[in-house]
Amino acid sequence: MLDINMKVNPSFFDDECAIVFSFSFVRESKKIGEAIIYTCEESGEEEIYAIHDEQKEKIAYLREFSIMEEYHESSMKKIQHFLKIIGIKKCINQYNLVY
């Protein structure tokens, strides 16, 4: 894996009940890109039948991904590792990135 550094800046949006993580990536003091991920509880029809005491699964949505192409895989692996640490197993990305 290429040696890149990742900085994470979290913020919370009350109206959406979402935590947004802004990621910036740097390699050898050179900025190589940014990504933004929204995290929230999964919603759907099954929610109607859920018991209120049950904890809903948290999911992530990759909203922005502007990283130099040669660093896509390494950056996504770092993001995925971060999400795993905070307990998020599912990440939906519209960019069809493999990680």
N, C-alpha and C. Protein backbone atom coordinates (compact mmCIF):
# COMPACT_ATOMS: atom_id res chain seq x y z
N MET A 1 0.84 -1.18 0.00
CA MET A 1 0.00 0.00 0.00
C MET A 1 0.89 1.24 0.00
N LEU A 2 0.53 2.21 -0.82
CA LEU A 2 1.29 3.44 -0.87
C LEU A 2 1.20 4.16 0.47
N ASP A 3 2.27 4.85 0.81
CA ASP A 3 2.32 5.55 2.09
C ASP A 3 1.62 6.90 1.97
N ILE A 4 0.34 6.92 2.36
CA ILE A 4 -0.43 8.16 2.35
C ILE A 4 -0.98 8.41 3.74
N ASN A 5 -1.14 9.68 4.06
CA ASN A 5 -1.70 10.07 5.35
C ASN A 5 -3.14 10.52 5.15
N MET A 6 -3.98 10.16 6.11
CA MET A 6 -5.38 10.51 6.04
C MET A 6 -5.74 11.35 7.26
N LYS A 7 -6.43 12.45 7.02
CA LYS A 7 -6.92 13.30 8.10
C LYS A 7 -8.45 13.25 8.04
N VAL A 8 -9.08 13.09 9.21
CA VAL A 8 -10.54 12.98 9.28
C VAL A 8 -11.10 14.14 10.08
N ASN A 9 -12.12 14.79 9.51
CA ASN A 9 -12.79 15.89 10.19
C ASN A 9 -14.28 15.56 10.27
N PRO A 10 -14.78 15.19 11.46
CA PRO A 10 -16.21 14.85 11.59
C PRO A 10 -17.06 16.08 11.86
N SER A 11 -18.32 16.01 11.42
CA SER A 11 -19.31 17.03 11.77
C SER A 11 -20.67 16.35 11.87
N PHE A 12 -21.58 16.98 12.60
CA PHE A 12 -22.90 16.39 12.84
C PHE A 12 -23.97 17.31 12.28
N PHE A 13 -24.94 16.71 11.57
CA PHE A 13 -26.06 17.46 11.02
C PHE A 13 -27.33 17.03 11.73
N ASP A 14 -27.86 17.89 12.60
CA ASP A 14 -29.06 17.59 13.38
C ASP A 14 -30.26 17.28 12.50
N ASP A 15 -30.49 18.10 11.47
CA ASP A 15 -31.68 17.93 10.65
C ASP A 15 -31.71 16.62 9.89
N GLU A 16 -30.55 16.06 9.60
CA GLU A 16 -30.48 14.78 8.89
C GLU A 16 -30.13 13.61 9.81
N CYS A 17 -29.84 13.91 11.08
CA CYS A 17 -29.36 12.89 12.03
C CYS A 17 -28.21 12.09 11.43
N ALA A 18 -27.26 12.81 10.87
CA ALA A 18 -26.13 12.16 10.19
C ALA A 18 -24.82 12.73 10.69
N ILE A 19 -23.82 11.87 10.72
CA ILE A 19 -22.46 12.31 10.98
C ILE A 19 -21.75 12.29 9.63
N VAL A 20 -21.11 13.39 9.32
CA VAL A 20 -20.40 13.51 8.04
C VAL A 20 -18.91 13.55 8.33
N PHE A 21 -18.19 12.69 7.64
CA PHE A 21 -16.74 12.65 7.79
C PHE A 21 -16.10 13.19 6.51
N SER A 22 -15.29 14.22 6.68
CA SER A 22 -14.52 14.77 5.56
C SER A 22 -13.10 14.22 5.68
N PHE A 23 -12.65 13.56 4.65
CA PHE A 23 -11.31 12.97 4.63
C PHE A 23 -10.43 13.78 3.69
N SER A 24 -9.20 14.00 4.10
CA SER A 24 -8.22 14.58 3.18
C SER A 24 -6.99 13.68 3.20
N PHE A 25 -6.41 13.52 2.03
CA PHE A 25 -5.28 12.61 1.87
C PHE A 25 -4.06 13.37 1.38
N VAL A 26 -2.91 13.04 1.99
CA VAL A 26 -1.66 13.70 1.67
C VAL A 26 -0.58 12.63 1.51
N ARG A 27 0.29 12.86 0.54
CA ARG A 27 1.46 11.99 0.38
C ARG A 27 2.67 12.89 0.19
N GLU A 28 3.64 12.72 1.06
CA GLU A 28 4.88 13.51 1.02
C GLU A 28 4.58 15.01 0.92
N SER A 29 3.75 15.52 1.81
CA SER A 29 3.38 16.93 1.91
C SER A 29 2.57 17.44 0.71
N LYS A 30 2.14 16.56 -0.16
CA LYS A 30 1.35 16.96 -1.33
C LYS A 30 -0.07 16.42 -1.18
N LYS A 31 -1.04 17.31 -1.27
CA LYS A 31 -2.44 16.90 -1.18
C LYS A 31 -2.80 16.10 -2.43
N ILE A 32 -3.38 14.90 -2.19
CA ILE A 32 -3.73 14.04 -3.33
C ILE A 32 -5.24 13.89 -3.50
N GLY A 33 -6.03 14.42 -2.55
CA GLY A 33 -7.47 14.38 -2.74
C GLY A 33 -8.28 14.44 -1.46
N GLU A 34 -9.62 14.37 -1.69
CA GLU A 34 -10.58 14.45 -0.59
C GLU A 34 -11.74 13.49 -0.84
N ALA A 35 -12.40 13.14 0.25
CA ALA A 35 -13.61 12.32 0.17
C ALA A 35 -14.56 12.75 1.28
N ILE A 36 -15.86 12.58 1.03
CA ILE A 36 -16.87 12.90 2.04
C ILE A 36 -17.79 11.70 2.18
N ILE A 37 -18.00 11.29 3.44
CA ILE A 37 -18.87 10.15 3.73
C ILE A 37 -19.92 10.57 4.74
N TYR A 38 -21.18 10.27 4.42
CA TYR A 38 -22.29 10.48 5.35
C TYR A 38 -22.56 9.15 6.05
N THR A 39 -22.77 9.18 7.34
CA THR A 39 -23.15 7.97 8.07
C THR A 39 -24.47 8.22 8.78
N CYS A 40 -25.33 7.22 8.76
CA CYS A 40 -26.64 7.33 9.42
C CYS A 40 -27.17 5.92 9.66
N GLU A 41 -28.34 5.84 10.28
CA GLU A 41 -28.98 4.55 10.48
C GLU A 41 -29.66 4.13 9.19
N GLU A 42 -29.59 2.84 8.92
CA GLU A 42 -30.24 2.31 7.73
C GLU A 42 -31.75 2.41 7.91
N SER A 43 -32.43 2.86 6.89
CA SER A 43 -33.89 2.96 6.96
C SER A 43 -34.51 2.12 5.86
N GLY A 44 -35.73 1.74 6.06
CA GLY A 44 -36.43 0.92 5.08
C GLY A 44 -37.71 0.39 5.68
N GLU A 45 -38.41 -0.46 4.93
CA GLU A 45 -39.68 -1.00 5.39
C GLU A 45 -39.54 -1.84 6.64
N GLU A 46 -38.41 -2.51 6.81
CA GLU A 46 -38.22 -3.35 8.00
C GLU A 46 -38.21 -2.51 9.27
N GLU A 47 -37.96 -1.21 9.12
CA GLU A 47 -37.93 -0.32 10.28
C GLU A 47 -39.28 -0.24 10.98
N ILE A 48 -40.35 -0.35 10.22
CA ILE A 48 -41.69 -0.27 10.78
C ILE A 48 -41.92 -1.37 11.80
N TYR A 49 -41.37 -2.54 11.55
CA TYR A 49 -41.58 -3.70 12.40
C TYR A 49 -40.52 -3.87 13.48
N ALA A 50 -39.51 -3.01 13.46
CA ALA A 50 -38.41 -3.16 14.43
C ALA A 50 -38.88 -2.80 15.83
N ILE A 51 -38.35 -3.51 16.79
CA ILE A 51 -38.61 -3.20 18.20
C ILE A 51 -37.77 -1.98 18.55
N HIS A 52 -38.33 -1.06 19.31
CA HIS A 52 -37.64 0.19 19.60
C HIS A 52 -36.32 -0.01 20.34
N ASP A 53 -36.18 -1.09 21.07
CA ASP A 53 -34.94 -1.33 21.81
C ASP A 53 -33.82 -1.86 20.92
N GLU A 54 -34.16 -2.34 19.74
CA GLU A 54 -33.13 -2.88 18.85
C GLU A 54 -32.31 -1.74 18.27
N GLN A 55 -31.04 -2.01 18.10
CA GLN A 55 -30.16 -1.02 17.52
C GLN A 55 -30.13 -1.22 16.01
N LYS A 56 -30.40 -0.15 15.27
CA LYS A 56 -30.40 -0.22 13.82
C LYS A 56 -28.96 -0.19 13.31
N GLU A 57 -28.76 -0.82 12.17
CA GLU A 57 -27.43 -0.87 11.58
C GLU A 57 -27.05 0.50 11.02
N LYS A 58 -25.83 0.90 11.26
CA LYS A 58 -25.30 2.15 10.72
C LYS A 58 -24.69 1.86 9.36
N ILE A 59 -24.95 2.76 8.41
CA ILE A 59 -24.38 2.60 7.08
C ILE A 59 -23.71 3.91 6.66
N ALA A 60 -22.86 3.82 5.65
CA ALA A 60 -22.14 4.98 5.14
C ALA A 60 -22.45 5.15 3.66
N TYR A 61 -22.49 6.41 3.24
CA TYR A 61 -22.68 6.76 1.84
C TYR A 61 -21.50 7.61 1.40
N LEU A 62 -20.80 7.14 0.40
CA LEU A 62 -19.69 7.90 -0.16
C LEU A 62 -20.29 8.96 -1.08
N ARG A 63 -20.21 10.22 -0.68
CA ARG A 63 -20.86 11.31 -1.43
C ARG A 63 -19.90 12.02 -2.38
N GLU A 64 -18.66 12.14 -1.98
CA GLU A 64 -17.67 12.78 -2.84
C GLU A 64 -16.38 11.99 -2.77
N PHE A 65 -15.72 11.89 -3.90
CA PHE A 65 -14.45 11.17 -3.94
C PHE A 65 -13.62 11.79 -5.06
N SER A 66 -12.77 12.73 -4.69
CA SER A 66 -11.92 13.38 -5.69
C SER A 66 -10.47 13.18 -5.27
N ILE A 67 -9.96 12.03 -5.66
CA ILE A 67 -8.60 11.63 -5.30
C ILE A 67 -7.88 11.21 -6.58
N MET A 68 -6.62 11.55 -6.66
CA MET A 68 -5.82 11.17 -7.84
C MET A 68 -5.97 9.67 -8.09
N GLU A 69 -6.16 9.31 -9.33
CA GLU A 69 -6.50 7.93 -9.68
C GLU A 69 -5.54 6.88 -9.13
N GLU A 70 -4.27 7.14 -9.13
CA GLU A 70 -3.31 6.14 -8.66
C GLU A 70 -3.41 5.89 -7.15
N TYR A 71 -4.16 6.74 -6.45
CA TYR A 71 -4.33 6.57 -5.00
C TYR A 71 -5.74 6.11 -4.61
N HIS A 72 -6.59 5.83 -5.58
CA HIS A 72 -7.97 5.39 -5.28
C HIS A 72 -8.00 4.19 -4.35
N GLU A 73 -7.32 3.13 -4.69
CA GLU A 73 -7.38 1.89 -3.92
C GLU A 73 -6.84 2.08 -2.50
N SER A 74 -5.70 2.72 -2.37
CA SER A 74 -5.12 2.94 -1.05
C SER A 74 -6.02 3.82 -0.18
N SER A 75 -6.58 4.86 -0.77
CA SER A 75 -7.46 5.76 -0.04
C SER A 75 -8.72 5.03 0.42
N MET A 76 -9.33 4.25 -0.45
CA MET A 76 -10.54 3.52 -0.09
C MET A 76 -10.26 2.49 1.00
N LYS A 77 -9.11 1.87 0.97
CA LYS A 77 -8.76 0.91 2.02
C LYS A 77 -8.65 1.61 3.37
N LYS A 78 -8.07 2.79 3.38
CA LYS A 78 -7.96 3.56 4.63
C LYS A 78 -9.34 3.98 5.13
N ILE A 79 -10.21 4.42 4.22
CA ILE A 79 -11.58 4.81 4.60
C ILE A 79 -12.32 3.60 5.14
N GLN A 80 -12.23 2.48 4.46
CA GLN A 80 -12.92 1.26 4.88
C GLN A 80 -12.43 0.81 6.26
N HIS A 81 -11.14 0.90 6.49
CA HIS A 81 -10.57 0.54 7.80
C HIS A 81 -11.14 1.46 8.89
N PHE A 82 -11.20 2.75 8.61
CA PHE A 82 -11.77 3.71 9.56
C PHE A 82 -13.23 3.37 9.87
N LEU A 83 -14.01 3.10 8.83
CA LEU A 83 -15.43 2.76 9.03
C LEU A 83 -15.59 1.50 9.88
N LYS A 84 -14.73 0.53 9.62
CA LYS A 84 -14.79 -0.72 10.39
C LYS A 84 -14.51 -0.45 11.87
N ILE A 85 -13.56 0.42 12.14
CA ILE A 85 -13.21 0.75 13.53
C ILE A 85 -14.40 1.39 14.25
N ILE A 86 -15.17 2.23 13.55
CA ILE A 86 -16.30 2.89 14.21
C ILE A 86 -17.59 2.06 14.10
N GLY A 87 -17.48 0.84 13.60
CA GLY A 87 -18.60 -0.09 13.62
C GLY A 87 -19.53 -0.05 12.42
N ILE A 88 -19.08 0.51 11.33
CA ILE A 88 -19.91 0.56 10.12
C ILE A 88 -19.40 -0.48 9.13
N LYS A 89 -20.29 -1.42 8.79
CA LYS A 89 -19.91 -2.53 7.93
C LYS A 89 -20.30 -2.32 6.47
N LYS A 90 -21.26 -1.45 6.24
CA LYS A 90 -21.80 -1.28 4.89
C LYS A 90 -21.53 0.13 4.38
N CYS A 91 -20.92 0.22 3.19
CA CYS A 91 -20.64 1.52 2.58
C CYS A 91 -21.17 1.49 1.15
N ILE A 92 -22.07 2.39 0.86
CA ILE A 92 -22.64 2.49 -0.48
C ILE A 92 -21.89 3.58 -1.22
N ASN A 93 -21.33 3.20 -2.37
CA ASN A 93 -20.61 4.22 -3.13
C ASN A 93 -21.09 4.23 -4.57
N GLN A 94 -21.37 5.41 -5.04
CA GLN A 94 -21.89 5.60 -6.39
C GLN A 94 -20.77 5.61 -7.43
N TYR A 95 -19.54 5.52 -6.98
CA TYR A 95 -18.39 5.61 -7.88
C TYR A 95 -17.90 4.23 -8.33
N ASN A 96 -18.54 3.16 -7.83
CA ASN A 96 -18.15 1.78 -8.16
C ASN A 96 -16.67 1.53 -7.90
N LEU A 97 -16.18 2.08 -6.81
CA LEU A 97 -14.79 1.88 -6.44
C LEU A 97 -14.62 0.54 -5.76
N VAL A 98 -13.55 -0.13 -6.06
CA VAL A 98 -13.24 -1.41 -5.45
C VAL A 98 -12.29 -1.16 -4.30
N TYR A 99 -12.61 -1.78 -3.15
CA TYR A 99 -11.73 -1.65 -1.98
C TYR A 99 -11.76 -2.91 -1.19
